[in-house]
Protein backbone atom coordinates (compact mmCIF):
# COMPACT_ATOMS: atom_id res chain seq x y z
CA MET A 1 328.17 147.40 129.40
CA ARG A 2 325.55 144.96 130.50
CA THR A 3 325.42 143.80 134.08
CA SER A 4 323.00 142.19 136.49
CA MET A 5 322.24 143.76 139.83
CA ASN A 6 319.89 143.09 142.69
CA LEU A 7 318.38 146.47 143.51
CA PRO A 8 315.61 147.18 146.00
CA GLU A 9 312.51 147.71 143.84
CA LYS A 10 311.20 150.54 146.01
CA LEU A 11 314.52 152.39 145.81
CA LEU A 12 314.76 152.03 142.03
CA LYS A 13 311.18 153.19 141.50
CA GLU A 14 311.79 156.25 143.66
CA ALA A 15 315.01 157.03 141.78
CA VAL A 16 313.17 156.88 138.45
CA ARG A 17 310.35 159.06 139.77
CA LEU A 18 312.61 161.70 141.35
CA SER A 19 315.10 161.85 138.51
CA GLY A 20 312.51 162.00 135.78
CA ALA A 21 314.58 159.45 133.88
CA PRO A 22 312.77 157.70 131.04
CA THR A 23 314.23 154.31 131.98
CA GLN A 24 315.53 152.50 135.01
CA THR A 25 318.95 152.28 133.38
CA GLN A 26 319.07 156.03 132.87
CA ALA A 27 318.08 156.58 136.51
CA VAL A 28 320.97 154.39 137.66
CA VAL A 29 323.40 156.19 135.33
CA MET A 30 322.22 159.58 136.61
CA GLY A 31 322.66 158.41 140.19
CA LEU A 32 326.19 157.18 139.55
CA GLU A 33 327.12 160.44 137.82
CA ALA A 34 325.74 162.44 140.75
CA LEU A 35 327.71 160.34 143.25
CA ILE A 36 330.94 160.79 141.29
CA ARG A 37 330.38 164.55 140.99
CA LYS A 38 329.67 164.82 144.73
CA LYS A 39 332.80 162.90 145.71
CA ARG A 40 334.99 164.99 143.39
CA VAL A 41 333.65 168.19 144.93
CA GLU A 42 334.24 166.81 148.43
CA GLY A 43 337.83 166.07 147.42
CA LEU A 44 338.33 169.63 146.21
CA LEU A 45 336.74 171.13 149.31
CA LYS A 46 339.48 169.57 151.44
CA PHE A 47 341.77 172.20 149.95
CA LYS A 48 339.46 175.16 150.58
CA GLY A 49 341.38 178.08 152.04
CA SER A 50 344.77 176.53 151.50
CA ASN A 51 347.48 177.12 148.97
CA ALA A 52 347.71 173.40 148.37
CA LEU A 53 345.26 173.55 145.48
CA LYS A 54 347.49 174.52 142.60
CA LEU A 55 346.00 172.65 139.66
CA THR A 56 347.00 173.04 136.05
CA GLN A 57 344.68 172.67 133.07
CA LYS A 58 346.21 169.22 132.57
CA ASP A 59 345.34 168.25 136.19
CA LEU A 60 341.76 169.41 135.74
CA LYS A 61 341.37 167.43 132.51
CA LYS A 62 342.65 164.30 134.28
CA MET A 63 340.13 164.79 137.08
CA ARG A 64 337.33 165.11 134.51
CA GLY A 65 338.45 161.84 132.94
CA ARG A 66 339.48 163.33 129.60
């Protein structure tokens, strides 16, 4: 999908440098994937130590977006 965004140049350059991404687009994609992964883990950690986390294979596949 193509989109236009106004991104701080300094921030984007640093993201490309730190990620090692070959393109600015890839750096943005990697950043979005990392954010999504982080938020999913935070959601799971809410259940740490409780019996509330009773997920089935089907639940896990849904969470992974498959």
